[in-house]
Amino acid sequence: MNRIYDTKDVLEDLYDMYEEDTELNARVKKYSLGTVFAEVYSLNNCYIEYYNSGDDDWLVWINDALDQDFPLEYAK
């Protein structure tokens, strides 16, 4: 149950405070909120652990994971 609340907190903070860095809204539009939530919640990744780590690079690690799990392709 705590992981559900942690997932909600991670996604809310990424959207509210770091949307420009993470492009979370674009990823949700492309993949759906349920899909993004399920991946962040999953025990097979470390989004929540990165977020709770207290390390200065947690946002970099989350961005790398988002890019891998939910790539956004832009026309050049």
N, C-alpha and C. Protein backbone atom coordinates (compact mmCIF):
# COMPACT_ATOMS: atom_id res chain seq x y z
N MET A 1 0.82 -1.19 0.00
CA MET A 1 0.00 0.00 0.00
C MET A 1 0.87 1.26 0.00
N ASN A 2 1.96 1.25 0.75
CA ASN A 2 2.83 2.41 0.78
C ASN A 2 3.42 2.71 -0.60
N ARG A 3 3.70 1.66 -1.37
CA ARG A 3 4.28 1.88 -2.70
C ARG A 3 3.29 2.61 -3.61
N ILE A 4 2.01 2.39 -3.43
CA ILE A 4 1.01 3.11 -4.22
C ILE A 4 1.09 4.61 -3.91
N TYR A 5 1.15 4.95 -2.62
CA TYR A 5 1.25 6.36 -2.23
C TYR A 5 2.57 6.96 -2.67
N ASP A 6 3.65 6.18 -2.58
CA ASP A 6 4.95 6.67 -3.04
C ASP A 6 4.93 6.94 -4.54
N THR A 7 4.27 6.07 -5.30
CA THR A 7 4.15 6.26 -6.75
C THR A 7 3.40 7.54 -7.05
N LYS A 8 2.30 7.74 -6.35
CA LYS A 8 1.51 8.97 -6.52
C LYS A 8 2.36 10.19 -6.22
N ASP A 9 3.12 10.16 -5.13
CA ASP A 9 3.97 11.29 -4.75
C ASP A 9 5.04 11.57 -5.80
N VAL A 10 5.67 10.52 -6.31
CA VAL A 10 6.70 10.68 -7.34
C VAL A 10 6.09 11.35 -8.58
N LEU A 11 4.98 10.83 -9.04
CA LEU A 11 4.37 11.37 -10.26
C LEU A 11 3.87 12.79 -10.06
N GLU A 12 3.29 13.08 -8.90
CA GLU A 12 2.83 14.44 -8.63
C GLU A 12 4.00 15.43 -8.62
N ASP A 13 5.09 15.07 -7.96
CA ASP A 13 6.24 15.96 -7.91
C ASP A 13 6.88 16.13 -9.28
N LEU A 14 6.99 15.05 -10.03
CA LEU A 14 7.56 15.15 -11.37
C LEU A 14 6.71 16.06 -12.25
N TYR A 15 5.41 15.96 -12.12
CA TYR A 15 4.51 16.78 -12.92
C TYR A 15 4.49 18.23 -12.43
N ASP A 16 4.34 18.42 -11.12
CA ASP A 16 4.19 19.76 -10.56
C ASP A 16 5.48 20.58 -10.58
N MET A 17 6.60 19.95 -10.26
CA MET A 17 7.84 20.71 -10.09
C MET A 17 8.88 20.48 -11.17
N TYR A 18 8.80 19.36 -11.87
CA TYR A 18 9.86 19.01 -12.83
C TYR A 18 9.33 18.67 -14.21
N GLU A 19 8.14 19.14 -14.56
CA GLU A 19 7.52 18.81 -15.85
C GLU A 19 8.42 19.20 -17.01
N GLU A 20 9.03 20.36 -16.94
CA GLU A 20 9.89 20.82 -18.04
C GLU A 20 11.07 19.87 -18.25
N ASP A 21 11.61 19.32 -17.17
CA ASP A 21 12.75 18.40 -17.26
C ASP A 21 12.33 17.00 -17.70
N THR A 22 11.20 16.53 -17.19
CA THR A 22 10.82 15.13 -17.41
C THR A 22 9.89 14.92 -18.60
N GLU A 23 9.19 15.97 -19.03
CA GLU A 23 8.18 15.86 -20.08
C GLU A 23 7.15 14.79 -19.74
N LEU A 24 6.80 14.73 -18.46
CA LEU A 24 5.87 13.70 -17.99
C LEU A 24 4.52 13.79 -18.68
N ASN A 25 4.01 14.99 -18.88
CA ASN A 25 2.71 15.13 -19.53
C ASN A 25 2.70 14.53 -20.93
N ALA A 26 3.76 14.77 -21.69
CA ALA A 26 3.85 14.20 -23.04
C ALA A 26 3.92 12.68 -22.98
N ARG A 27 4.62 12.16 -22.00
CA ARG A 27 4.72 10.69 -21.86
C ARG A 27 3.38 10.09 -21.47
N VAL A 28 2.64 10.76 -20.58
CA VAL A 28 1.32 10.28 -20.19
C VAL A 28 0.37 10.32 -21.38
N LYS A 29 0.44 11.37 -22.18
CA LYS A 29 -0.43 11.45 -23.36
C LYS A 29 -0.11 10.34 -24.36
N LYS A 30 1.17 10.01 -24.50
CA LYS A 30 1.56 8.99 -25.47
C LYS A 30 1.30 7.57 -24.95
N TYR A 31 1.57 7.32 -23.67
CA TYR A 31 1.51 5.95 -23.14
C TYR A 31 0.34 5.68 -22.20
N SER A 32 -0.33 6.67 -21.70
CA SER A 32 -1.45 6.66 -20.77
C SER A 32 -0.96 6.72 -19.32
N LEU A 33 -1.77 7.35 -18.49
CA LEU A 33 -1.43 7.50 -17.08
C LEU A 33 -1.34 6.14 -16.40
N GLY A 34 -2.23 5.22 -16.74
CA GLY A 34 -2.21 3.89 -16.13
C GLY A 34 -0.92 3.14 -16.42
N THR A 35 -0.43 3.26 -17.65
CA THR A 35 0.80 2.57 -18.03
C THR A 35 2.00 3.17 -17.31
N VAL A 36 2.07 4.50 -17.26
CA VAL A 36 3.18 5.17 -16.58
C VAL A 36 3.13 4.85 -15.09
N PHE A 37 1.95 4.93 -14.49
CA PHE A 37 1.80 4.63 -13.07
C PHE A 37 2.24 3.20 -12.77
N ALA A 38 1.81 2.26 -13.59
CA ALA A 38 2.15 0.85 -13.37
C ALA A 38 3.66 0.62 -13.44
N GLU A 39 4.33 1.29 -14.36
CA GLU A 39 5.78 1.11 -14.50
C GLU A 39 6.52 1.73 -13.32
N VAL A 40 6.11 2.91 -12.90
CA VAL A 40 6.75 3.55 -11.75
C VAL A 40 6.50 2.72 -10.49
N TYR A 41 5.31 2.17 -10.34
CA TYR A 41 4.94 1.34 -9.19
C TYR A 41 5.69 0.01 -9.17
N SER A 42 6.01 -0.53 -10.31
CA SER A 42 6.58 -1.86 -10.44
C SER A 42 7.84 -2.05 -9.59
N LEU A 43 7.97 -3.24 -9.05
CA LEU A 43 9.17 -3.60 -8.29
C LEU A 43 10.35 -3.88 -9.21
N ASN A 44 10.11 -3.94 -10.52
CA ASN A 44 11.17 -4.22 -11.49
C ASN A 44 11.98 -2.99 -11.88
N ASN A 45 11.68 -1.86 -11.28
CA ASN A 45 12.45 -0.65 -11.57
C ASN A 45 12.73 0.10 -10.28
N CYS A 46 13.38 1.23 -10.38
CA CYS A 46 13.84 1.93 -9.17
C CYS A 46 13.39 3.38 -9.09
N TYR A 47 12.30 3.74 -9.74
CA TYR A 47 11.85 5.13 -9.70
C TYR A 47 11.66 5.63 -8.26
N ILE A 48 10.95 4.88 -7.47
CA ILE A 48 10.66 5.28 -6.09
C ILE A 48 11.94 5.30 -5.26
N GLU A 49 12.80 4.33 -5.50
CA GLU A 49 14.05 4.28 -4.76
C GLU A 49 14.94 5.47 -5.11
N TYR A 50 14.97 5.85 -6.40
CA TYR A 50 15.72 7.04 -6.81
C TYR A 50 15.16 8.28 -6.12
N TYR A 51 13.85 8.41 -6.15
CA TYR A 51 13.16 9.57 -5.58
C TYR A 51 13.44 9.70 -4.08
N ASN A 52 13.43 8.58 -3.39
CA ASN A 52 13.63 8.59 -1.94
C ASN A 52 15.09 8.53 -1.51
N SER A 53 16.01 8.46 -2.46
CA SER A 53 17.42 8.24 -2.13
C SER A 53 18.07 9.42 -1.43
N GLY A 54 17.59 10.62 -1.70
CA GLY A 54 18.23 11.80 -1.14
C GLY A 54 19.49 12.21 -1.89
N ASP A 55 19.84 11.46 -2.92
CA ASP A 55 21.02 11.77 -3.72
C ASP A 55 20.72 12.97 -4.63
N ASP A 56 21.71 13.79 -4.88
CA ASP A 56 21.54 14.96 -5.73
C ASP A 56 21.19 14.59 -7.18
N ASP A 57 21.52 13.39 -7.61
CA ASP A 57 21.30 12.97 -8.99
C ASP A 57 20.01 12.20 -9.21
N TRP A 58 19.11 12.18 -8.23
CA TRP A 58 17.91 11.37 -8.37
C TRP A 58 17.10 11.76 -9.60
N LEU A 59 17.00 13.04 -9.92
CA LEU A 59 16.21 13.46 -11.08
C LEU A 59 16.86 13.02 -12.39
N VAL A 60 18.16 13.04 -12.45
CA VAL A 60 18.89 12.56 -13.64
C VAL A 60 18.59 11.08 -13.85
N TRP A 61 18.64 10.31 -12.77
CA TRP A 61 18.37 8.87 -12.88
C TRP A 61 16.94 8.61 -13.32
N ILE A 62 15.99 9.37 -12.78
CA ILE A 62 14.59 9.20 -13.17
C ILE A 62 14.41 9.59 -14.64
N ASN A 63 15.03 10.66 -15.08
CA ASN A 63 14.93 11.05 -16.49
C ASN A 63 15.50 9.97 -17.40
N ASP A 64 16.62 9.39 -17.02
CA ASP A 64 17.20 8.30 -17.82
C ASP A 64 16.24 7.12 -17.89
N ALA A 65 15.63 6.77 -16.76
CA ALA A 65 14.68 5.65 -16.74
C ALA A 65 13.44 5.97 -17.56
N LEU A 66 12.93 7.20 -17.46
CA LEU A 66 11.78 7.60 -18.28
C LEU A 66 12.10 7.52 -19.76
N ASP A 67 13.28 7.99 -20.13
CA ASP A 67 13.69 7.92 -21.54
C ASP A 67 13.77 6.48 -22.04
N GLN A 68 14.19 5.59 -21.17
CA GLN A 68 14.30 4.18 -21.56
C GLN A 68 12.92 3.52 -21.61
N ASP A 69 12.10 3.75 -20.61
CA ASP A 69 10.80 3.08 -20.52
C ASP A 69 9.72 3.73 -21.38
N PHE A 70 9.80 5.06 -21.55
CA PHE A 70 8.77 5.80 -22.29
C PHE A 70 9.44 6.79 -23.24
N PRO A 71 10.09 6.30 -24.28
CA PRO A 71 10.79 7.21 -25.18
C PRO A 71 9.82 8.14 -25.93
N LEU A 72 10.28 9.35 -26.09
CA LEU A 72 9.57 10.33 -26.90
C LEU A 72 10.41 10.61 -28.12
N GLU A 73 9.83 10.42 -29.28
CA GLU A 73 10.56 10.67 -30.52
C GLU A 73 10.07 11.97 -31.12
N TYR A 74 11.02 12.80 -31.46
CA TYR A 74 10.67 14.09 -32.05
C TYR A 74 11.22 14.15 -33.46
N ALA A 75 10.43 14.72 -34.33
CA ALA A 75 10.88 14.91 -35.72
C ALA A 75 11.98 15.96 -35.74
N LYS A 76 12.99 15.72 -36.55
CA LYS A 76 14.10 16.68 -36.62
C LYS A 76 14.04 17.47 -37.89
